[in-house]
Amino acid sequence: MNFITSLLQIETMITLLVGLAVFGTVITVAAPYFENDKLKSRTKAVAEERDRLRSQLKAQLNSSEARLREKPKAGLYTQIVEALNLRAVFQGDAARESLRKAGFRSEKHLVTFLAFRVITPIVFGIITFVYTSTVFADRVPPNLRIAGSFIAMVVGFYMPQVALQNFIQRRQASIKKAWSDALDLLLICVESGMALEPSLQRVAREIGSQSVPLAEELSLTVAELSYLQDRRKALDNLGKRTGLETVKAVVTSLIQSERYGTPLGTALRVLAQENRDARMSEAEKKAAALPPKLTVPMILFFLPVIFVVILGPSVIMVMKID
């Protein structure tokens, strides 16, 4: 009780707030020095994917195998996935496509994700049961402990999928934000006489400072155009990996240009204009939605302050007169 009383004293609270402010300042100043070069790491991942495509092409030319897949090491997660046949239970192909949209292309990422779909519910259920049986042993009856553990297992079952969707949304938001500028750069490169592969490679190099995921996807597309036999498949993979309609529309134009020989510059100019119009329309929608969103904060935070500023001097004068 004395600890709580001393904690609520004004001097102690001021000290704590000053300490938190100093800690936040130090973290803010020091954080940029500890950040890794995301573009460099993503470029390394694209180089590994390019080497894998080269090895697959060599394997297809030297043998009759349809495709060479990289096989993960037989670790704990791999043993769990193979023993429980989780690829069939959790639709491994669909999970692989979702992981590619999130930027995780390796086979070990698929194995880890499928294993977590099984491990996470068990861990959540055990932690909830142990916690309710020790901390709240006198307050929570056994049937509620079992029910809480079951609910925790359900939450744990969907937690990896929710986390994956969060990664996908963040990645798509980054790509969508920089796609208009990338399309303008691609149009400039194409109209200057550059071929498709050098144009995509140049755009990937320039757009990396704005969106690392988009630079990674474009670099991977350049690698697939170099090593895959079907160029249309390489372009179609770009739309599948991003999952964005604006990207798929450009991919369709690129495929039609490859198939029928239509001028690519005209199509890219129209698509760039449509993309800019859609971006402006989306910005106008967000601006139109601001007044309803600001109504409640203004009532709760701005109006009381205004009333205090306006009525405060009058109340002080009345108190002095009395």
C-alpha atoms as a PDB file:
ATOM      1  CA  MET A   1       0.000   0.000   0.000  1.00  0.00           C
ATOM      2  CA  ASN A   2       2.873   2.357   0.838  1.00  0.00           C
ATOM      3  CA  PHE A   3       4.438   1.520  -2.523  1.00  0.00           C
ATOM      4  CA  ILE A   4       1.260   2.502  -4.376  1.00  0.00           C
ATOM      5  CA  THR A   5       0.972   5.706  -2.330  1.00  0.00           C
ATOM      6  CA  SER A   6       4.568   6.671  -3.089  1.00  0.00           C
ATOM      7  CA  LEU A   7       4.065   5.802  -6.740  1.00  0.00           C
ATOM      8  CA  LEU A   8       1.083   8.145  -7.018  1.00  0.00           C
ATOM      9  CA  GLN A   9       2.991  11.116  -5.656  1.00  0.00           C
ATOM     10  CA  ILE A  10       3.527  13.950  -8.108  1.00  0.00           C
ATOM     11  CA  GLU A  11       7.328  13.897  -7.762  1.00  0.00           C
ATOM     12  CA  THR A  12       7.496  10.167  -8.519  1.00  0.00           C
ATOM     13  CA  MET A  13       5.166  10.478 -11.517  1.00  0.00           C
ATOM     14  CA  ILE A  14       7.197  13.371 -12.930  1.00  0.00           C
ATOM     15  CA  THR A  15      10.395  11.339 -12.519  1.00  0.00           C
ATOM     16  CA  LEU A  16       8.850   8.363 -14.313  1.00  0.00           C
ATOM     17  CA  LEU A  17       7.555  10.509 -17.158  1.00  0.00           C
ATOM     18  CA  VAL A  18      10.945  12.211 -17.577  1.00  0.00           C
ATOM     19  CA  GLY A  19      12.632   8.792 -17.597  1.00  0.00           C
ATOM     20  CA  LEU A  20      10.234   7.515 -20.248  1.00  0.00           C
ATOM     21  CA  ALA A  21      10.797  10.646 -22.348  1.00  0.00           C
ATOM     22  CA  VAL A  22      14.589  10.242 -22.135  1.00  0.00           C
ATOM     23  CA  PHE A  23      14.301   6.545 -23.006  1.00  0.00           C
ATOM     24  CA  GLY A  24      12.092   7.312 -26.015  1.00  0.00           C
ATOM     25  CA  THR A  25      14.505  10.005 -27.200  1.00  0.00           C
ATOM     26  CA  VAL A  26      17.482   7.661 -26.961  1.00  0.00           C
ATOM     27  CA  ILE A  27      15.607   4.920 -28.851  1.00  0.00           C
ATOM     28  CA  THR A  28      14.522   7.384 -31.559  1.00  0.00           C
ATOM     29  CA  VAL A  29      18.047   8.715 -32.060  1.00  0.00           C
ATOM     30  CA  ALA A  30      19.774   5.318 -31.930  1.00  0.00           C
ATOM     31  CA  ALA A  31      17.223   3.323 -33.982  1.00  0.00           C
ATOM     32  CA  PRO A  32      18.507   4.380 -37.447  1.00  0.00           C
ATOM     33  CA  TYR A  33      22.006   3.136 -36.582  1.00  0.00           C
ATOM     34  CA  PHE A  34      20.724  -0.376 -35.849  1.00  0.00           C
ATOM     35  CA  GLU A  35      18.539  -0.745 -38.943  1.00  0.00           C
ATOM     36  CA  ASN A  36      19.645  -3.241 -41.543  1.00  0.00           C
ATOM     37  CA  ASP A  37      19.820  -2.466 -45.234  1.00  0.00           C
ATOM     38  CA  LYS A  38      16.538  -4.014 -46.366  1.00  0.00           C
ATOM     39  CA  LEU A  39      17.256  -3.382 -50.042  1.00  0.00           C
ATOM     40  CA  LYS A  40      20.602  -5.170 -49.775  1.00  0.00           C
ATOM     41  CA  SER A  41      19.086  -8.208 -48.058  1.00  0.00           C
ATOM     42  CA  ARG A  42      16.214  -8.349 -50.560  1.00  0.00           C
ATOM     43  CA  THR A  43      18.679  -8.074 -53.437  1.00  0.00           C
ATOM     44  CA  LYS A  44      20.582 -11.011 -52.005  1.00  0.00           C
ATOM     45  CA  ALA A  45      17.335 -13.004 -51.817  1.00  0.00           C
ATOM     46  CA  VAL A  46      16.592 -12.181 -55.469  1.00  0.00           C
ATOM     47  CA  ALA A  47      20.108 -13.302 -56.423  1.00  0.00           C
ATOM     48  CA  GLU A  48      19.507 -16.616 -54.669  1.00  0.00           C
ATOM     49  CA  GLU A  49      16.203 -16.992 -56.530  1.00  0.00           C
ATOM     50  CA  ARG A  50      17.996 -16.234 -59.799  1.00  0.00           C
ATOM     51  CA  ASP A  51      20.582 -18.932 -59.062  1.00  0.00           C
ATOM     52  CA  ARG A  52      17.777 -21.363 -58.274  1.00  0.00           C
ATOM     53  CA  LEU A  53      16.093 -20.610 -61.607  1.00  0.00           C
ATOM     54  CA  ARG A  54      19.397 -21.119 -63.412  1.00  0.00           C
ATOM     55  CA  SER A  55      19.910 -24.481 -61.709  1.00  0.00           C
ATOM     56  CA  GLN A  56      16.346 -25.520 -62.593  1.00  0.00           C
ATOM     57  CA  LEU A  57      16.914 -24.624 -66.237  1.00  0.00           C
ATOM     58  CA  LYS A  58      20.117 -26.645 -66.330  1.00  0.00           C
ATOM     59  CA  ALA A  59      18.335 -29.576 -64.714  1.00  0.00           C
ATOM     60  CA  GLN A  60      15.534 -29.405 -67.291  1.00  0.00           C
ATOM     61  CA  LEU A  61      18.037 -29.398 -70.151  1.00  0.00           C
ATOM     62  CA  ASN A  62      20.123 -32.274 -68.768  1.00  0.00           C
ATOM     63  CA  SER A  63      17.392 -34.580 -67.486  1.00  0.00           C
ATOM     64  CA  SER A  64      13.789 -35.517 -68.102  1.00  0.00           C
ATOM     65  CA  GLU A  65      12.502 -34.165 -64.792  1.00  0.00           C
ATOM     66  CA  ALA A  66       9.744 -31.617 -65.076  1.00  0.00           C
ATOM     67  CA  ARG A  67      11.065 -29.349 -62.339  1.00  0.00           C
ATOM     68  CA  LEU A  68      13.708 -29.443 -59.640  1.00  0.00           C
ATOM     69  CA  ARG A  69      12.480 -28.374 -56.197  1.00  0.00           C
ATOM     70  CA  GLU A  70      14.744 -27.391 -53.383  1.00  0.00           C
ATOM     71  CA  LYS A  71      14.298 -29.743 -50.468  1.00  0.00           C
ATOM     72  CA  PRO A  72      14.589 -28.480 -46.904  1.00  0.00           C
ATOM     73  CA  LYS A  73      16.691 -30.156 -44.296  1.00  0.00           C
ATOM     74  CA  ALA A  74      14.965 -32.823 -42.284  1.00  0.00           C
ATOM     75  CA  GLY A  75      14.537 -30.729 -39.151  1.00  0.00           C
ATOM     76  CA  LEU A  76      11.856 -30.794 -36.501  1.00  0.00           C
ATOM     77  CA  TYR A  77       9.352 -28.787 -38.531  1.00  0.00           C
ATOM     78  CA  THR A  78       9.922 -30.939 -41.588  1.00  0.00           C
ATOM     79  CA  GLN A  79       9.354 -34.110 -39.587  1.00  0.00           C
ATOM     80  CA  ILE A  80       6.106 -32.689 -38.172  1.00  0.00           C
ATOM     81  CA  VAL A  81       4.843 -31.686 -41.624  1.00  0.00           C
ATOM     82  CA  GLU A  82       5.713 -35.023 -43.190  1.00  0.00           C
ATOM     83  CA  ALA A  83       4.413 -37.129 -40.287  1.00  0.00           C
ATOM     84  CA  LEU A  84       1.034 -35.374 -40.125  1.00  0.00           C
ATOM     85  CA  ASN A  85       0.759 -34.820 -43.901  1.00  0.00           C
ATOM     86  CA  LEU A  86       0.098 -31.122 -43.324  1.00  0.00           C
ATOM     87  CA  ARG A  87       0.563 -30.226 -46.997  1.00  0.00           C
ATOM     88  CA  ALA A  88      -2.681 -32.021 -47.812  1.00  0.00           C
ATOM     89  CA  VAL A  89      -4.495 -30.980 -44.625  1.00  0.00           C
ATOM     90  CA  PHE A  90      -3.771 -27.238 -44.908  1.00  0.00           C
ATOM     91  CA  GLN A  91      -3.674 -27.013 -48.718  1.00  0.00           C
ATOM     92  CA  GLY A  92       0.045 -26.578 -49.217  1.00  0.00           C
ATOM     93  CA  ASP A  93      -0.265 -25.075 -52.719  1.00  0.00           C
ATOM     94  CA  ALA A  94      -2.592 -22.301 -51.517  1.00  0.00           C
ATOM     95  CA  ALA A  95      -0.335 -21.647 -48.528  1.00  0.00           C
ATOM     96  CA  ARG A  96       2.673 -21.460 -50.858  1.00  0.00           C
ATOM     97  CA  GLU A  97       0.925 -18.827 -52.997  1.00  0.00           C
ATOM     98  CA  SER A  98       0.042 -16.784 -49.913  1.00  0.00           C
ATOM     99  CA  LEU A  99       3.623 -16.984 -48.670  1.00  0.00           C
ATOM    100  CA  ARG A 100       4.893 -15.786 -52.035  1.00  0.00           C
ATOM    101  CA  LYS A 101       2.589 -12.782 -51.813  1.00  0.00           C
ATOM    102  CA  ALA A 102       4.136 -12.024 -48.410  1.00  0.00           C
ATOM    103  CA  GLY A 103       7.668 -12.328 -49.831  1.00  0.00           C
ATOM    104  CA  PHE A 104       8.527 -15.777 -48.415  1.00  0.00           C
ATOM    105  CA  ARG A 105       9.449 -18.030 -51.327  1.00  0.00           C
ATOM    106  CA  SER A 106      11.696 -20.665 -49.840  1.00  0.00           C
ATOM    107  CA  GLU A 107      10.425 -24.159 -49.113  1.00  0.00           C
ATOM    108  CA  LYS A 108      11.556 -23.835 -45.515  1.00  0.00           C
ATOM    109  CA  HIS A 109       9.125 -20.944 -45.064  1.00  0.00           C
ATOM    110  CA  LEU A 110       6.255 -23.193 -46.170  1.00  0.00           C
ATOM    111  CA  VAL A 111       7.362 -25.955 -43.796  1.00  0.00           C
ATOM    112  CA  THR A 112       7.664 -23.499 -40.896  1.00  0.00           C
ATOM    113  CA  PHE A 113       4.241 -22.008 -41.600  1.00  0.00           C
ATOM    114  CA  LEU A 114       2.509 -25.389 -41.778  1.00  0.00           C
ATOM    115  CA  ALA A 115       4.258 -26.551 -38.604  1.00  0.00           C
ATOM    116  CA  PHE A 116       3.184 -23.405 -36.747  1.00  0.00           C
ATOM    117  CA  ARG A 117      -0.424 -24.076 -37.734  1.00  0.00           C
ATOM    118  CA  VAL A 118      -0.184 -27.151 -35.455  1.00  0.00           C
ATOM    119  CA  ILE A 119       2.293 -25.969 -32.809  1.00  0.00           C
ATOM    120  CA  THR A 120       0.704 -22.592 -32.036  1.00  0.00           C
ATOM    121  CA  PRO A 121      -2.713 -23.937 -30.877  1.00  0.00           C
ATOM    122  CA  ILE A 122      -1.039 -26.457 -28.572  1.00  0.00           C
ATOM    123  CA  VAL A 123       1.262 -23.833 -27.064  1.00  0.00           C
ATOM    124  CA  PHE A 124      -1.576 -21.328 -26.575  1.00  0.00           C
ATOM    125  CA  GLY A 125      -3.790 -23.965 -24.958  1.00  0.00           C
ATOM    126  CA  ILE A 126      -1.075 -25.174 -22.574  1.00  0.00           C
ATOM    127  CA  ILE A 127      -0.080 -21.646 -21.532  1.00  0.00           C
ATOM    128  CA  THR A 128      -3.696 -20.646 -20.900  1.00  0.00           C
ATOM    129  CA  PHE A 129      -4.444 -23.774 -18.863  1.00  0.00           C
ATOM    130  CA  VAL A 130      -1.288 -23.459 -16.763  1.00  0.00           C
ATOM    131  CA  TYR A 131      -1.851 -19.738 -16.177  1.00  0.00           C
ATOM    132  CA  THR A 132      -5.474 -20.144 -15.106  1.00  0.00           C
ATOM    133  CA  SER A 133      -4.589 -23.152 -12.929  1.00  0.00           C
ATOM    134  CA  THR A 134      -1.848 -21.332 -11.022  1.00  0.00           C
ATOM    135  CA  VAL A 135      -2.647 -17.612 -10.882  1.00  0.00           C
ATOM    136  CA  PHE A 136      -6.451 -17.892 -10.825  1.00  0.00           C
ATOM    137  CA  ALA A 137      -6.739 -21.336  -9.273  1.00  0.00           C
ATOM    138  CA  ASP A 138      -9.163 -20.160  -6.560  1.00  0.00           C
ATOM    139  CA  ARG A 139     -11.285 -17.949  -8.817  1.00  0.00           C
ATOM    140  CA  VAL A 140     -11.679 -19.976 -12.006  1.00  0.00           C
ATOM    141  CA  PRO A 141     -13.488 -23.336 -11.834  1.00  0.00           C
ATOM    142  CA  PRO A 142     -12.105 -26.306 -13.792  1.00  0.00           C
ATOM    143  CA  ASN A 143     -14.763 -26.182 -16.518  1.00  0.00           C
ATOM    144  CA  LEU A 144     -13.922 -22.543 -17.276  1.00  0.00           C
ATOM    145  CA  ARG A 145     -10.236 -23.404 -17.429  1.00  0.00           C
ATOM    146  CA  ILE A 146     -10.936 -26.043 -20.059  1.00  0.00           C
ATOM    147  CA  ALA A 147     -13.185 -23.655 -21.988  1.00  0.00           C
ATOM    148  CA  GLY A 148     -10.536 -20.908 -21.860  1.00  0.00           C
ATOM    149  CA  SER A 149      -7.880 -23.337 -23.072  1.00  0.00           C
ATOM    150  CA  PHE A 150     -10.122 -24.397 -25.957  1.00  0.00           C
ATOM    151  CA  ILE A 151     -10.698 -20.757 -26.932  1.00  0.00           C
ATOM    152  CA  ALA A 152      -6.937 -20.123 -26.758  1.00  0.00           C
ATOM    153  CA  MET A 153      -6.344 -23.106 -29.045  1.00  0.00           C
ATOM    154  CA  VAL A 154      -8.819 -21.710 -31.572  1.00  0.00           C
ATOM    155  CA  VAL A 155      -7.073 -18.326 -31.436  1.00  0.00           C
ATOM    156  CA  GLY A 156      -3.696 -20.013 -31.829  1.00  0.00           C
ATOM    157  CA  PHE A 157      -4.956 -21.970 -34.831  1.00  0.00           C
ATOM    158  CA  TYR A 158      -5.854 -18.789 -36.717  1.00  0.00           C
ATOM    159  CA  MET A 159      -2.924 -16.694 -35.440  1.00  0.00           C
ATOM    160  CA  PRO A 160      -0.374 -17.764 -38.135  1.00  0.00           C
ATOM    161  CA  GLN A 161      -2.904 -17.083 -40.880  1.00  0.00           C
ATOM    162  CA  VAL A 162      -3.716 -13.648 -39.438  1.00  0.00           C
ATOM    163  CA  ALA A 163      -0.010 -12.811 -39.187  1.00  0.00           C
ATOM    164  CA  LEU A 164       0.519 -13.934 -42.789  1.00  0.00           C
ATOM    165  CA  GLN A 165      -2.360 -11.775 -44.021  1.00  0.00           C
ATOM    166  CA  ASN A 166      -0.847  -8.833 -42.146  1.00  0.00           C
ATOM    167  CA  PHE A 167       2.473  -9.367 -43.933  1.00  0.00           C
ATOM    168  CA  ILE A 168       0.638  -9.582 -47.278  1.00  0.00           C
ATOM    169  CA  GLN A 169      -1.313  -6.364 -46.680  1.00  0.00           C
ATOM    170  CA  ARG A 170       1.783  -4.437 -45.640  1.00  0.00           C
ATOM    171  CA  ARG A 171       3.675  -5.660 -48.681  1.00  0.00           C
ATOM    172  CA  GLN A 172       0.801  -4.879 -51.061  1.00  0.00           C
ATOM    173  CA  ALA A 173       0.429  -1.408 -49.545  1.00  0.00           C
ATOM    174  CA  SER A 174       4.123  -0.695 -50.171  1.00  0.00           C
ATOM    175  CA  ILE A 175       3.893  -1.957 -53.763  1.00  0.00           C
ATOM    176  CA  LYS A 176       0.681  -0.064 -54.471  1.00  0.00           C
ATOM    177  CA  LYS A 177       2.120   3.162 -53.103  1.00  0.00           C
ATOM    178  CA  ALA A 178       5.142   3.064 -55.418  1.00  0.00           C
ATOM    179  CA  TRP A 179       3.504   1.432 -58.438  1.00  0.00           C
ATOM    180  CA  SER A 180       2.439   4.689 -60.103  1.00  0.00           C
ATOM    181  CA  ASP A 181       5.983   6.057 -60.043  1.00  0.00           C
ATOM    182  CA  ALA A 182       7.354   2.719 -61.238  1.00  0.00           C
ATOM    183  CA  LEU A 183       4.890   2.706 -64.139  1.00  0.00           C
ATOM    184  CA  ASP A 184       5.930   6.224 -65.156  1.00  0.00           C
ATOM    185  CA  LEU A 185       9.589   5.195 -65.049  1.00  0.00           C
ATOM    186  CA  LEU A 186       8.830   2.087 -67.101  1.00  0.00           C
ATOM    187  CA  LEU A 187       7.018   4.213 -69.683  1.00  0.00           C
ATOM    188  CA  ILE A 188      10.000   6.564 -69.948  1.00  0.00           C
ATOM    189  CA  CYS A 189      12.402   3.645 -70.392  1.00  0.00           C
ATOM    190  CA  VAL A 190      10.245   1.945 -73.038  1.00  0.00           C
ATOM    191  CA  GLU A 191       9.700   5.147 -75.038  1.00  0.00           C
ATOM    192  CA  SER A 192      13.433   5.853 -74.957  1.00  0.00           C
ATOM    193  CA  GLY A 193      14.019   2.631 -76.912  1.00  0.00           C
ATOM    194  CA  MET A 194      15.046   0.225 -74.169  1.00  0.00           C
ATOM    195  CA  ALA A 195      13.913  -3.400 -74.242  1.00  0.00           C
ATOM    196  CA  LEU A 196      11.612  -4.842 -71.611  1.00  0.00           C
ATOM    197  CA  GLU A 197      14.262  -6.579 -69.474  1.00  0.00           C
ATOM    198  CA  PRO A 198      16.625  -3.575 -69.199  1.00  0.00           C
ATOM    199  CA  SER A 199      13.635  -1.320 -68.540  1.00  0.00           C
ATOM    200  CA  LEU A 200      12.382  -3.474 -65.667  1.00  0.00           C
ATOM    201  CA  GLN A 201      15.901  -3.786 -64.281  1.00  0.00           C
ATOM    202  CA  ARG A 202      16.418  -0.009 -64.370  1.00  0.00           C
ATOM    203  CA  VAL A 203      13.038   0.639 -62.754  1.00  0.00           C
ATOM    204  CA  ALA A 204      13.825  -1.898 -60.037  1.00  0.00           C
ATOM    205  CA  ARG A 205      17.105  -0.127 -59.335  1.00  0.00           C
ATOM    206  CA  GLU A 206      15.506   3.317 -59.154  1.00  0.00           C
ATOM    207  CA  ILE A 207      12.366   2.350 -57.208  1.00  0.00           C
ATOM    208  CA  GLY A 208      14.285   0.474 -54.496  1.00  0.00           C
ATOM    209  CA  SER A 209      14.632   3.599 -52.359  1.00  0.00           C
ATOM    210  CA  GLN A 210      10.845   4.006 -52.303  1.00  0.00           C
ATOM    211  CA  SER A 211       9.602   0.412 -52.112  1.00  0.00           C
ATOM    212  CA  VAL A 212      11.920  -2.502 -51.446  1.00  0.00           C
ATOM    213  CA  PRO A 213       9.199  -5.147 -52.113  1.00  0.00           C
ATOM    214  CA  LEU A 214       8.435  -3.692 -55.544  1.00  0.00           C
ATOM    215  CA  ALA A 215      12.129  -3.585 -56.444  1.00  0.00           C
ATOM    216  CA  GLU A 216      12.418  -7.200 -55.360  1.00  0.00           C
ATOM    217  CA  GLU A 217       9.453  -8.298 -57.473  1.00  0.00           C
ATOM    218  CA  LEU A 218      10.675  -6.493 -60.571  1.00  0.00           C
ATOM    219  CA  SER A 219      14.183  -7.927 -60.164  1.00  0.00           C
ATOM    220  CA  LEU A 220      12.720 -11.400 -59.792  1.00  0.00           C
ATOM    221  CA  THR A 221      10.645 -10.845 -62.946  1.00  0.00           C
ATOM    222  CA  VAL A 222      13.796  -9.890 -64.856  1.00  0.00           C
ATOM    223  CA  ALA A 223      15.443 -13.106 -63.624  1.00  0.00           C
ATOM    224  CA  GLU A 224      12.449 -15.196 -64.705  1.00  0.00           C
ATOM    225  CA  LEU A 225      12.390 -13.519 -68.123  1.00  0.00           C
ATOM    226  CA  SER A 226      16.026 -14.529 -68.540  1.00  0.00           C
ATOM    227  CA  TYR A 227      15.739 -18.159 -67.459  1.00  0.00           C
ATOM    228  CA  LEU A 228      12.165 -19.313 -68.034  1.00  0.00           C
ATOM    229  CA  GLN A 229      11.319 -20.643 -71.465  1.00  0.00           C
ATOM    230  CA  ASP A 230       7.846 -19.059 -71.515  1.00  0.00           C
ATOM    231  CA  ARG A 231       8.152 -15.289 -71.124  1.00  0.00           C
ATOM    232  CA  ARG A 232       4.404 -14.918 -70.671  1.00  0.00           C
ATOM    233  CA  LYS A 233       4.555 -17.141 -67.609  1.00  0.00           C
ATOM    234  CA  ALA A 234       7.285 -14.962 -66.123  1.00  0.00           C
ATOM    235  CA  LEU A 235       5.104 -11.875 -66.564  1.00  0.00           C
ATOM    236  CA  ASP A 236       2.034 -13.650 -65.251  1.00  0.00           C
ATOM    237  CA  ASN A 237       3.962 -14.654 -62.123  1.00  0.00           C
ATOM    238  CA  LEU A 238       4.452 -10.970 -61.316  1.00  0.00           C
ATOM    239  CA  GLY A 239       0.691 -10.435 -61.112  1.00  0.00           C
ATOM    240  CA  LYS A 240       0.188 -13.581 -59.051  1.00  0.00           C
ATOM    241  CA  ARG A 241       2.909 -12.696 -56.552  1.00  0.00           C
ATOM    242  CA  THR A 242       1.616  -9.180 -55.938  1.00  0.00           C
ATOM    243  CA  GLY A 243      -2.116  -9.940 -56.021  1.00  0.00           C
ATOM    244  CA  LEU A 244      -2.947  -6.352 -57.072  1.00  0.00           C
ATOM    245  CA  GLU A 245      -5.368  -5.570 -59.890  1.00  0.00           C
ATOM    246  CA  THR A 246      -3.332  -2.588 -61.085  1.00  0.00           C
ATOM    247  CA  VAL A 247      -0.262  -4.776 -61.494  1.00  0.00           C
ATOM    248  CA  LYS A 248      -2.293  -7.496 -63.235  1.00  0.00           C
ATOM    249  CA  ALA A 249      -3.613  -4.944 -65.752  1.00  0.00           C
ATOM    250  CA  VAL A 250      -0.071  -3.919 -66.692  1.00  0.00           C
ATOM    251  CA  VAL A 251       0.974  -7.563 -66.858  1.00  0.00           C
ATOM    252  CA  THR A 252      -1.888  -8.258 -69.270  1.00  0.00           C
ATOM    253  CA  SER A 253      -0.732  -5.417 -71.510  1.00  0.00           C
ATOM    254  CA  LEU A 254       2.827  -6.723 -71.444  1.00  0.00           C
ATOM    255  CA  ILE A 255       1.654 -10.233 -72.364  1.00  0.00           C
ATOM    256  CA  GLN A 256      -0.467  -8.899 -75.235  1.00  0.00           C
ATOM    257  CA  SER A 257       2.491  -6.887 -76.473  1.00  0.00           C
ATOM    258  CA  GLU A 258       4.656 -10.014 -76.379  1.00  0.00           C
ATOM    259  CA  ARG A 259       2.022 -12.089 -78.176  1.00  0.00           C
ATOM    260  CA  TYR A 260       0.674  -9.723 -80.853  1.00  0.00           C
ATOM    261  CA  GLY A 261       3.504  -7.204 -81.170  1.00  0.00           C
ATOM    262  CA  THR A 262       1.338  -4.230 -80.241  1.00  0.00           C
ATOM    263  CA  PRO A 263       3.114  -0.970 -79.279  1.00  0.00           C
ATOM    264  CA  LEU A 264       3.862  -1.130 -75.575  1.00  0.00           C
ATOM    265  CA  GLY A 265       4.397   2.595 -75.053  1.00  0.00           C
ATOM    266  CA  THR A 266       0.808   3.533 -75.920  1.00  0.00           C
ATOM    267  CA  ALA A 267      -0.660   0.904 -73.603  1.00  0.00           C
ATOM    268  CA  LEU A 268       1.656   1.921 -70.753  1.00  0.00           C
ATOM    269  CA  ARG A 269       0.736   5.578 -71.219  1.00  0.00           C
ATOM    270  CA  VAL A 270      -2.980   4.799 -70.937  1.00  0.00           C
ATOM    271  CA  LEU A 271      -2.417   2.551 -67.923  1.00  0.00           C
ATOM    272  CA  ALA A 272      -0.242   5.167 -66.223  1.00  0.00           C
ATOM    273  CA  GLN A 273      -2.959   7.792 -66.674  1.00  0.00           C
ATOM    274  CA  GLU A 274      -5.620   5.433 -65.345  1.00  0.00           C
ATOM    275  CA  ASN A 275      -3.412   4.593 -62.381  1.00  0.00           C
ATOM    276  CA  ARG A 276      -2.911   8.258 -61.553  1.00  0.00           C
ATOM    277  CA  ASP A 277      -6.660   8.897 -61.837  1.00  0.00           C
ATOM    278  CA  ALA A 278      -7.411   5.942 -59.555  1.00  0.00           C
ATOM    279  CA  ARG A 279      -4.820   7.182 -57.069  1.00  0.00           C
ATOM    280  CA  MET A 280      -6.347  10.653 -57.053  1.00  0.00           C
ATOM    281  CA  SER A 281      -9.843   9.197 -56.648  1.00  0.00           C
ATOM    282  CA  GLU A 282      -8.679   7.154 -53.671  1.00  0.00           C
ATOM    283  CA  ALA A 283      -7.106  10.245 -52.103  1.00  0.00           C
ATOM    284  CA  GLU A 284     -10.363  12.177 -52.592  1.00  0.00           C
ATOM    285  CA  LYS A 285     -12.311   9.381 -50.897  1.00  0.00           C
ATOM    286  CA  LYS A 286      -9.985   9.470 -47.911  1.00  0.00           C
ATOM    287  CA  ALA A 287     -10.283  13.265 -47.724  1.00  0.00           C
ATOM    288  CA  ALA A 288     -14.093  13.058 -47.881  1.00  0.00           C
ATOM    289  CA  ALA A 289     -14.099  10.534 -45.033  1.00  0.00           C
ATOM    290  CA  LEU A 290     -12.124  12.804 -42.683  1.00  0.00           C
ATOM    291  CA  PRO A 291     -14.967  15.046 -41.363  1.00  0.00           C
ATOM    292  CA  PRO A 292     -17.046  12.151 -39.927  1.00  0.00           C
ATOM    293  CA  LYS A 293     -13.926  10.630 -38.386  1.00  0.00           C
ATOM    294  CA  LEU A 294     -12.916  13.924 -36.770  1.00  0.00           C
ATOM    295  CA  THR A 295     -16.314  14.571 -35.179  1.00  0.00           C
ATOM    296  CA  VAL A 296     -15.821  12.402 -32.096  1.00  0.00           C
ATOM    297  CA  PRO A 297     -12.208  13.525 -31.383  1.00  0.00           C
ATOM    298  CA  MET A 298     -13.256  17.159 -31.667  1.00  0.00           C
ATOM    299  CA  ILE A 299     -16.136  16.666 -29.231  1.00  0.00           C
ATOM    300  CA  LEU A 300     -13.991  14.775 -26.730  1.00  0.00           C
ATOM    301  CA  PHE A 301     -10.730  16.740 -26.900  1.00  0.00           C
ATOM    302  CA  PHE A 302     -11.086  20.110 -28.643  1.00  0.00           C
ATOM    303  CA  LEU A 303     -14.404  21.454 -27.342  1.00  0.00           C
ATOM    304  CA  PRO A 304     -13.584  21.007 -23.600  1.00  0.00           C
ATOM    305  CA  VAL A 305     -10.308  22.889 -24.104  1.00  0.00           C
ATOM    306  CA  ILE A 306     -12.102  25.687 -25.946  1.00  0.00           C
ATOM    307  CA  PHE A 307     -14.691  25.968 -23.165  1.00  0.00           C
ATOM    308  CA  VAL A 308     -11.946  26.120 -20.547  1.00  0.00           C
ATOM    309  CA  VAL A 309     -10.088  28.850 -22.438  1.00  0.00           C
ATOM    310  CA  ILE A 310     -13.239  30.909 -23.026  1.00  0.00           C
ATOM    311  CA  LEU A 311     -14.969  30.444 -19.682  1.00  0.00           C
ATOM    312  CA  GLY A 312     -11.873  30.104 -17.486  1.00  0.00           C
ATOM    313  CA  PRO A 313     -11.180  33.848 -17.003  1.00  0.00           C
ATOM    314  CA  SER A 314     -14.857  34.551 -16.267  1.00  0.00           C
ATOM    315  CA  VAL A 315     -14.989  31.821 -13.621  1.00  0.00           C
ATOM    316  CA  ILE A 316     -11.795  33.171 -12.011  1.00  0.00           C
ATOM    317  CA  MET A 317     -13.225  36.699 -11.908  1.00  0.00           C
ATOM    318  CA  VAL A 318     -16.483  35.436 -10.336  1.00  0.00           C
ATOM    319  CA  MET A 319     -14.531  33.514  -7.697  1.00  0.00           C
ATOM    320  CA  LYS A 320     -12.505  36.623  -6.839  1.00  0.00           C
ATOM    321  CA  ILE A 321     -15.655  38.728  -6.475  1.00  0.00           C
ATOM    322  CA  ASP A 322     -17.182  36.217  -4.078  1.00  0.00           C
END
